[in-house]
Amino acid sequence: MDYKQAGVDVEAGRAFIDRIKGMVEGTRRPEVLGGLGGFGGCFELPDGYQKPVLVSGTDGVGTKLKLAQDLDRHDTVGIDLVAMCVNDVLTIGAEPLFFLDYLATGKLAPEQLAQVVAGVTNGCKTSGCALLGGETAEMPGFYAPGEYDMAGFCVGIVEKDRMFDGSAVAVGDRIIGLASSGVHSNGFSLVRKIMAEGDRDPREAGRSTGYDWSEKPRILEGQSLGEALLRPTQLYVKPVLKALKSTLTIHGMAHITGGGLPENLPRCLGEGQSIQLNLDSWSVLPIFTWLQSAGSVGLRDMFNTFNMGVGFVVIVPPDQSVAACQQFEQEGITAYDIGEVVPGSGEILGIPTT
């Protein structure tokens, strides 16, 4: 017997690394030392910092991977992987420096995983961070044919006296919501349940429950469910870093991931503070309206599961609300003034109770 007969093709693994080297090299920053293939990735700290603090984050894509695998489209979930990590470290005020990925599959499918890595490198380039290294694990018998899982790890840097910890947030500050690109990478267990068991519009032909990824509900205006749901997570790094270097005064930030606005907004507040939201102040994307209707999901559960059209939040003084929205609009990110910091104990007011 040999390793290949056991299901692990070492030569195919080496060929795969050779195939992706060019993509990885395209994310290189000046601080990267050495090349791909060592036992560890080496990165020199950038010049100009007085008291640098390294900020780390790790995450995955979750069951959104099932959608990518069902549709056999793998070029966007790598962007999701990067976004879920870099958007998190960004909330501390950190610039992402480098990223590492971990891919695990039952049998190495070079074309499939090359698409995944292409998405990762795309996300890294858009965020300005280097893909410093990674691991590809071939695990026969652990994953079904065509299945894979992935995880990411990011390190950023910030000057110690410029870190965001909630202490600068004040009552009266305005909440600036930056638009999401869609469902992002949270809530897909509920999405998949709605797809499998959701009630169909009686005006539409076919079975009474359940949907296919290829279907195009009227509300999506020609876009299929698969296309709408597979849209990658918005990367906010460069627009937010530019805002931090502008004349704006930013007091706090939050990345709206699992748990939606109710769970993530309190994480950027100081003691004795809450947020009053105005739910009429931003546009809820059609995909969320469709999910709520098809799954008969209560509005409170929608807000507790999905981002509902707001993927990132920046907190600014009240006299800078208009300027902040204009700043992000100029960078191609739709922005809304969605609420205010008020006295309280961490509650997010204005979210429906049912």
Protein backbone atom coordinates (compact mmCIF):
# COMPACT_ATOMS: atom_id res chain seq x y z
CA MET A 1 0.00 0.00 0.00
CA ASP A 2 0.98 3.63 -0.33
CA TYR A 3 -0.39 7.07 0.56
CA LYS A 4 -2.01 7.57 -2.85
CA GLN A 5 -3.93 4.28 -2.53
CA ALA A 6 -5.14 5.55 0.86
CA GLY A 7 -6.66 8.57 -0.89
CA VAL A 8 -3.97 11.25 -0.52
CA ASP A 9 -2.14 12.30 -3.68
CA VAL A 10 1.02 14.09 -2.55
CA GLU A 11 2.14 14.89 -6.10
CA ALA A 12 -1.24 16.46 -6.89
CA GLY A 13 -0.85 18.56 -3.75
CA ARG A 14 2.54 19.82 -4.89
CA ALA A 15 1.16 20.61 -8.33
CA PHE A 16 -1.68 22.54 -6.72
CA ILE A 17 0.75 24.68 -4.69
CA ASP A 18 2.71 25.43 -7.86
CA ARG A 19 -0.54 26.43 -9.56
CA ILE A 20 -1.56 28.98 -6.94
CA LYS A 21 1.88 30.50 -6.31
CA GLY A 22 1.33 33.27 -8.85
CA MET A 23 -2.00 34.26 -7.30
CA VAL A 24 -0.50 34.38 -3.82
CA GLU A 25 2.48 36.40 -5.05
CA GLY A 26 0.04 39.01 -6.37
CA THR A 27 -0.92 39.90 -2.77
CA ARG A 28 2.63 40.52 -1.61
CA ARG A 29 3.43 43.55 0.54
CA PRO A 30 6.93 45.03 1.02
CA GLU A 31 7.07 43.66 4.57
CA VAL A 32 6.77 40.01 3.47
CA LEU A 33 10.02 38.09 3.94
CA GLY A 34 10.70 34.97 1.89
CA GLY A 35 8.26 33.15 -0.36
CA LEU A 36 5.52 30.56 -0.29
CA GLY A 37 6.38 27.05 0.83
CA GLY A 38 8.29 27.51 4.10
CA PHE A 39 7.28 26.13 7.49
CA GLY A 40 6.10 29.60 8.50
CA GLY A 41 5.30 32.93 6.90
CA CYS A 42 7.50 35.85 7.91
CA PHE A 43 6.35 39.46 8.05
CA GLU A 44 8.35 42.50 9.14
CA LEU A 45 6.45 45.19 11.08
CA PRO A 46 5.93 48.37 9.03
CA ASP A 47 7.93 51.48 9.92
CA GLY A 48 6.43 54.56 11.51
CA TYR A 49 4.67 53.10 14.56
CA GLN A 50 5.55 54.33 18.07
CA LYS A 51 3.61 51.74 20.09
CA PRO A 52 2.26 49.21 17.58
CA VAL A 53 -0.40 46.74 18.67
CA LEU A 54 -1.09 43.59 16.65
CA VAL A 55 -4.77 42.72 16.28
CA SER A 56 -5.78 39.20 15.23
CA GLY A 57 -9.01 37.68 14.00
CA THR A 58 -10.16 34.30 12.73
CA ASP A 59 -13.38 33.08 11.14
CA GLY A 60 -14.92 30.82 8.52
CA VAL A 61 -17.67 31.03 5.93
CA GLY A 62 -20.11 28.60 7.56
CA THR A 63 -22.82 26.74 5.69
CA LYS A 64 -22.73 29.25 2.85
CA LEU A 65 -20.14 26.79 1.52
CA LYS A 66 -22.99 24.34 0.86
CA LEU A 67 -24.49 26.83 -1.58
CA ALA A 68 -21.16 27.29 -3.38
CA GLN A 69 -20.76 23.53 -3.64
CA ASP A 70 -24.35 22.96 -4.80
CA LEU A 71 -23.91 25.59 -7.53
CA ASP A 72 -20.33 24.50 -8.31
CA ARG A 73 -19.22 28.12 -8.08
CA HIS A 74 -16.25 28.68 -5.82
CA ASP A 75 -14.77 32.06 -6.78
CA THR A 76 -16.64 34.18 -4.21
CA VAL A 77 -16.44 32.27 -0.90
CA GLY A 78 -12.73 33.08 -0.64
CA ILE A 79 -13.69 36.76 -0.60
CA ASP A 80 -16.16 35.97 2.19
CA LEU A 81 -13.41 34.25 4.16
CA VAL A 82 -11.12 37.27 3.99
CA ALA A 83 -13.91 39.76 4.65
CA MET A 84 -15.14 38.03 7.80
CA CYS A 85 -11.66 38.38 9.32
CA VAL A 86 -10.40 41.74 8.04
CA ASN A 87 -13.67 43.55 8.74
CA ASP A 88 -13.43 42.34 12.35
CA VAL A 89 -9.90 43.63 13.02
CA LEU A 90 -10.86 46.86 11.27
CA THR A 91 -13.31 47.68 14.09
CA ILE A 92 -10.34 48.12 16.45
CA GLY A 93 -8.87 50.62 13.99
CA ALA A 94 -6.30 48.13 12.66
CA GLU A 95 -4.95 47.94 9.13
CA PRO A 96 -4.88 44.28 8.01
CA LEU A 97 -1.31 43.21 7.31
CA PHE A 98 -1.46 39.54 6.39
CA PHE A 99 -3.84 36.62 6.06
CA LEU A 100 -3.53 32.83 6.23
CA ASP A 101 -6.06 30.26 5.06
CA TYR A 102 -6.82 26.63 5.82
CA LEU A 103 -8.60 24.46 3.23
CA ALA A 104 -9.69 20.90 3.94
CA THR A 105 -11.25 18.50 1.45
CA GLY A 106 -11.86 14.78 0.96
CA LYS A 107 -10.07 14.65 -2.38
CA LEU A 108 -8.04 17.42 -3.91
CA ALA A 109 -9.89 18.95 -6.87
CA PRO A 110 -7.36 21.44 -8.28
CA GLU A 111 -9.78 23.45 -10.43
CA GLN A 112 -12.31 23.78 -7.62
CA LEU A 113 -9.82 24.85 -4.95
CA ALA A 114 -7.93 27.12 -7.35
CA GLN A 115 -11.19 29.08 -7.68
CA VAL A 116 -11.40 29.28 -3.89
CA VAL A 117 -7.83 30.58 -3.61
CA ALA A 118 -8.51 33.07 -6.41
CA GLY A 119 -11.30 34.49 -4.22
CA VAL A 120 -8.98 34.63 -1.22
CA THR A 121 -6.33 36.52 -3.19
CA ASN A 122 -8.99 38.83 -4.60
CA GLY A 123 -10.14 39.64 -1.05
CA CYS A 124 -6.58 40.18 0.13
CA LYS A 125 -5.78 42.54 -2.74
CA THR A 126 -8.96 44.53 -2.15
CA SER A 127 -8.07 44.80 1.55
CA GLY A 128 -4.40 45.56 0.98
CA CYS A 129 -3.14 42.59 3.00
CA ALA A 130 -0.72 39.84 2.00
CA LEU A 131 -1.73 36.19 1.72
CA LEU A 132 1.24 35.04 3.78
CA GLY A 133 0.61 31.30 3.67
CA GLY A 134 -1.86 28.55 4.32
CA GLU A 135 -2.58 24.86 4.52
CA THR A 136 -4.40 22.51 2.17
CA ALA A 137 -5.42 19.25 3.84
CA GLU A 138 -6.60 16.21 1.87
CA MET A 139 -8.70 14.10 4.25
CA PRO A 140 -10.30 11.09 2.49
CA GLY A 141 -13.28 9.65 4.33
CA PHE A 142 -13.80 12.81 6.35
CA TYR A 143 -15.50 14.92 3.66
CA ALA A 144 -17.85 13.70 0.93
CA PRO A 145 -16.70 14.04 -2.71
CA GLY A 146 -16.80 17.68 -3.81
CA GLU A 147 -17.04 19.01 -0.26
CA TYR A 148 -14.50 21.27 1.42
CA ASP A 149 -14.27 23.49 4.48
CA MET A 150 -12.18 26.57 5.07
CA ALA A 151 -11.01 28.88 7.83
CA GLY A 152 -9.06 32.13 7.81
CA PHE A 153 -6.75 34.03 10.12
CA CYS A 154 -5.79 37.69 9.88
CA VAL A 155 -3.33 39.98 11.69
CA GLY A 156 -3.57 43.76 11.60
CA ILE A 157 -1.71 46.64 13.24
CA VAL A 158 -2.79 49.83 15.01
CA GLU A 159 -1.10 52.53 17.07
CA LYS A 160 -1.93 51.86 20.72
CA ASP A 161 -3.36 55.32 21.37
CA ARG A 162 -5.63 55.03 18.30
CA MET A 163 -7.40 51.81 19.25
CA PHE A 164 -11.20 51.82 19.50
CA ASP A 165 -12.49 50.41 22.79
CA GLY A 166 -15.79 52.23 23.32
CA SER A 167 -14.31 54.91 25.58
CA ALA A 168 -14.64 57.68 22.95
CA VAL A 169 -18.34 57.03 22.24
CA ALA A 170 -20.63 59.69 23.73
CA VAL A 171 -24.37 60.05 24.20
CA GLY A 172 -25.72 61.96 21.20
CA ASP A 173 -23.29 60.43 18.71
CA ARG A 174 -24.80 59.33 15.42
CA ILE A 175 -24.79 55.78 14.06
CA ILE A 176 -23.69 55.64 10.40
CA GLY A 177 -24.69 52.38 8.73
CA LEU A 178 -22.65 51.23 5.75
CA ALA A 179 -24.68 49.16 3.30
CA SER A 180 -24.14 45.43 3.01
CA SER A 181 -23.87 43.66 -0.33
CA GLY A 182 -26.43 41.07 0.73
CA VAL A 183 -26.68 38.29 3.29
CA HIS A 184 -22.86 38.22 3.67
CA SER A 185 -21.78 35.04 5.51
CA ASN A 186 -24.19 34.66 8.41
CA GLY A 187 -27.57 33.01 8.82
CA PHE A 188 -27.19 30.42 6.06
CA SER A 189 -28.53 27.58 8.18
CA LEU A 190 -31.83 29.49 8.23
CA VAL A 191 -31.45 30.39 4.54
CA ARG A 192 -31.05 26.73 3.63
CA LYS A 193 -34.06 25.74 5.74
CA ILE A 194 -36.18 28.37 3.99
CA MET A 195 -34.95 27.11 0.62
CA ALA A 196 -35.89 23.54 1.53
CA GLU A 197 -39.18 24.14 3.34
CA GLY A 198 -40.35 27.71 2.68
CA ASP A 199 -43.89 28.44 1.52
CA ARG A 200 -44.15 29.36 -2.13
CA ASP A 201 -46.11 32.27 -3.53
CA PRO A 202 -49.45 30.72 -4.60
CA ARG A 203 -49.27 32.78 -7.79
CA GLU A 204 -46.14 30.90 -8.85
CA ALA A 205 -46.37 27.55 -10.59
CA GLY A 206 -44.78 24.39 -9.21
CA ARG A 207 -44.70 22.65 -5.84
CA SER A 208 -46.20 24.25 -2.74
CA THR A 209 -43.01 24.37 -0.65
CA GLY A 210 -39.27 24.65 -1.21
CA TYR A 211 -37.19 26.52 -3.77
CA ASP A 212 -34.33 25.89 -6.19
CA TRP A 213 -31.23 28.09 -6.36
CA SER A 214 -31.98 28.84 -10.02
CA GLU A 215 -35.43 30.32 -9.38
CA LYS A 216 -35.94 34.04 -9.93
CA PRO A 217 -38.60 35.51 -7.62
CA ARG A 218 -40.23 38.69 -8.92
CA ILE A 219 -38.78 40.79 -6.11
CA LEU A 220 -35.20 40.03 -7.25
CA GLU A 221 -35.90 41.54 -10.69
CA GLY A 222 -34.27 38.89 -12.84
CA GLN A 223 -31.61 37.72 -10.42
CA SER A 224 -31.68 34.09 -9.30
CA LEU A 225 -31.76 33.11 -5.63
CA GLY A 226 -28.36 31.50 -5.98
CA GLU A 227 -26.83 34.65 -7.45
CA ALA A 228 -28.35 36.89 -4.77
CA LEU A 229 -27.35 34.63 -1.89
CA LEU A 230 -23.83 33.90 -3.14
CA ARG A 231 -22.84 37.57 -3.37
CA PRO A 232 -19.67 37.92 -1.29
CA THR A 233 -19.35 39.88 1.92
CA GLN A 234 -18.57 43.56 1.41
CA LEU A 235 -14.97 44.53 2.21
CA TYR A 236 -14.94 47.81 4.15
CA VAL A 237 -11.20 48.08 4.82
CA LYS A 238 -9.95 50.69 2.37
CA PRO A 239 -12.95 53.10 2.65
CA VAL A 240 -12.83 52.97 6.46
CA LEU A 241 -9.04 53.35 6.66
CA LYS A 242 -9.33 56.36 4.35
CA ALA A 243 -12.04 57.82 6.60
CA LEU A 244 -9.79 57.33 9.64
CA LYS A 245 -7.10 59.42 7.92
CA SER A 246 -9.58 62.13 6.89
CA THR A 247 -10.91 65.07 8.88
CA LEU A 248 -13.73 62.92 10.27
CA THR A 249 -13.78 62.15 13.98
CA ILE A 250 -14.73 58.49 14.42
CA HIS A 251 -15.60 57.30 17.95
CA GLY A 252 -16.35 53.62 17.35
CA MET A 253 -17.05 50.88 14.81
CA ALA A 254 -18.86 47.55 14.57
CA HIS A 255 -18.93 44.72 12.03
CA ILE A 256 -22.49 43.38 11.70
CA THR A 257 -22.12 39.60 11.56
CA GLY A 258 -23.92 36.73 13.31
CA GLY A 259 -26.59 38.05 15.66
CA GLY A 260 -27.20 41.10 13.48
CA LEU A 261 -27.47 44.64 14.80
CA PRO A 262 -28.81 43.64 18.27
CA GLU A 263 -25.77 41.51 19.11
CA ASN A 264 -22.96 43.44 17.43
CA LEU A 265 -23.77 47.10 18.05
CA PRO A 266 -23.40 46.89 21.87
CA ARG A 267 -19.82 45.66 21.41
CA CYS A 268 -18.64 49.13 20.37
CA LEU A 269 -20.35 51.11 23.16
CA GLY A 270 -19.06 52.47 26.46
CA GLU A 271 -20.59 52.03 29.90
CA GLY A 272 -24.11 53.39 30.42
CA GLN A 273 -24.92 53.62 26.72
CA SER A 274 -27.53 52.19 24.36
CA ILE A 275 -28.53 52.85 20.76
CA GLN A 276 -31.86 54.06 19.42
CA LEU A 277 -32.31 52.89 15.83
CA ASN A 278 -34.58 54.36 13.19
CA LEU A 279 -35.61 51.36 11.08
CA ASP A 280 -37.04 53.62 8.36
CA SER A 281 -33.68 55.28 7.72
CA TRP A 282 -32.13 52.68 5.40
CA SER A 283 -33.12 50.41 2.55
CA VAL A 284 -33.64 46.73 3.37
CA LEU A 285 -32.39 44.70 0.42
CA PRO A 286 -34.96 42.66 -1.55
CA ILE A 287 -33.30 39.36 -0.62
CA PHE A 288 -34.16 39.95 3.04
CA THR A 289 -37.76 40.79 2.19
CA TRP A 290 -37.95 37.56 0.19
CA LEU A 291 -36.42 35.45 2.98
CA GLN A 292 -38.83 36.89 5.55
CA SER A 293 -41.84 36.16 3.35
CA ALA A 294 -40.81 32.72 2.08
CA GLY A 295 -39.87 31.52 5.56
CA SER A 296 -42.62 33.33 7.49
CA VAL A 297 -39.84 34.68 9.70
CA GLY A 298 -40.74 37.22 12.37
CA LEU A 299 -39.12 40.65 12.00
CA ARG A 300 -37.30 40.31 15.32
CA ASP A 301 -35.81 36.99 14.21
CA MET A 302 -34.76 38.59 10.92
CA PHE A 303 -32.82 41.28 12.80
CA ASN A 304 -31.33 38.74 15.20
CA THR A 305 -30.09 36.57 12.32
CA PHE A 306 -29.21 38.81 9.36
CA ASN A 307 -27.53 42.18 8.81
CA MET A 308 -30.73 43.49 7.16
CA GLY A 309 -28.77 45.72 4.77
CA VAL A 310 -26.26 47.23 7.20
CA GLY A 311 -22.92 45.42 7.17
CA PHE A 312 -20.70 47.83 9.12
CA VAL A 313 -21.30 50.74 11.49
CA VAL A 314 -19.26 53.85 12.19
CA ILE A 315 -20.08 56.13 15.15
CA VAL A 316 -19.40 59.86 14.75
CA PRO A 317 -20.24 63.11 16.58
CA PRO A 318 -23.67 64.51 15.68
CA ASP A 319 -22.26 67.43 13.68
CA GLN A 320 -20.36 65.03 11.38
CA SER A 321 -23.21 62.77 10.32
CA VAL A 322 -23.70 64.35 6.88
CA ALA A 323 -19.95 64.56 6.21
CA ALA A 324 -19.49 60.91 7.17
CA CYS A 325 -22.20 59.74 4.79
CA GLN A 326 -20.70 61.86 2.00
CA GLN A 327 -17.21 60.48 2.71
CA PHE A 328 -18.33 56.87 2.26
CA GLU A 329 -20.56 57.65 -0.72
CA GLN A 330 -17.47 59.07 -2.47
CA GLU A 331 -15.75 55.72 -1.88
CA GLY A 332 -18.64 53.78 -3.42
CA ILE A 333 -20.25 52.68 -0.15
CA THR A 334 -23.87 53.67 0.44
CA ALA A 335 -24.19 55.13 3.94
CA TYR A 336 -27.16 56.04 6.15
CA ASP A 337 -27.62 57.88 9.45
CA ILE A 338 -29.57 55.09 11.20
CA GLY A 339 -29.71 56.14 14.84
CA GLU A 340 -28.25 57.74 17.94
CA VAL A 341 -26.33 56.80 21.08
CA VAL A 342 -28.60 57.26 24.12
CA PRO A 343 -28.26 56.57 27.86
CA GLY A 344 -28.84 52.93 28.77
CA SER A 345 -27.20 49.61 29.53
CA GLY A 346 -26.35 48.20 26.12
CA GLU A 347 -29.85 47.81 24.67
CA ILE A 348 -30.54 48.30 20.98
CA LEU A 349 -33.86 50.15 20.94
CA GLY A 350 -36.20 50.22 18.00
CA ILE A 351 -35.83 46.52 17.04
CA PRO A 352 -39.27 44.84 16.77
CA THR A 353 -40.29 42.57 19.63
CA THR A 354 -42.04 40.03 17.38
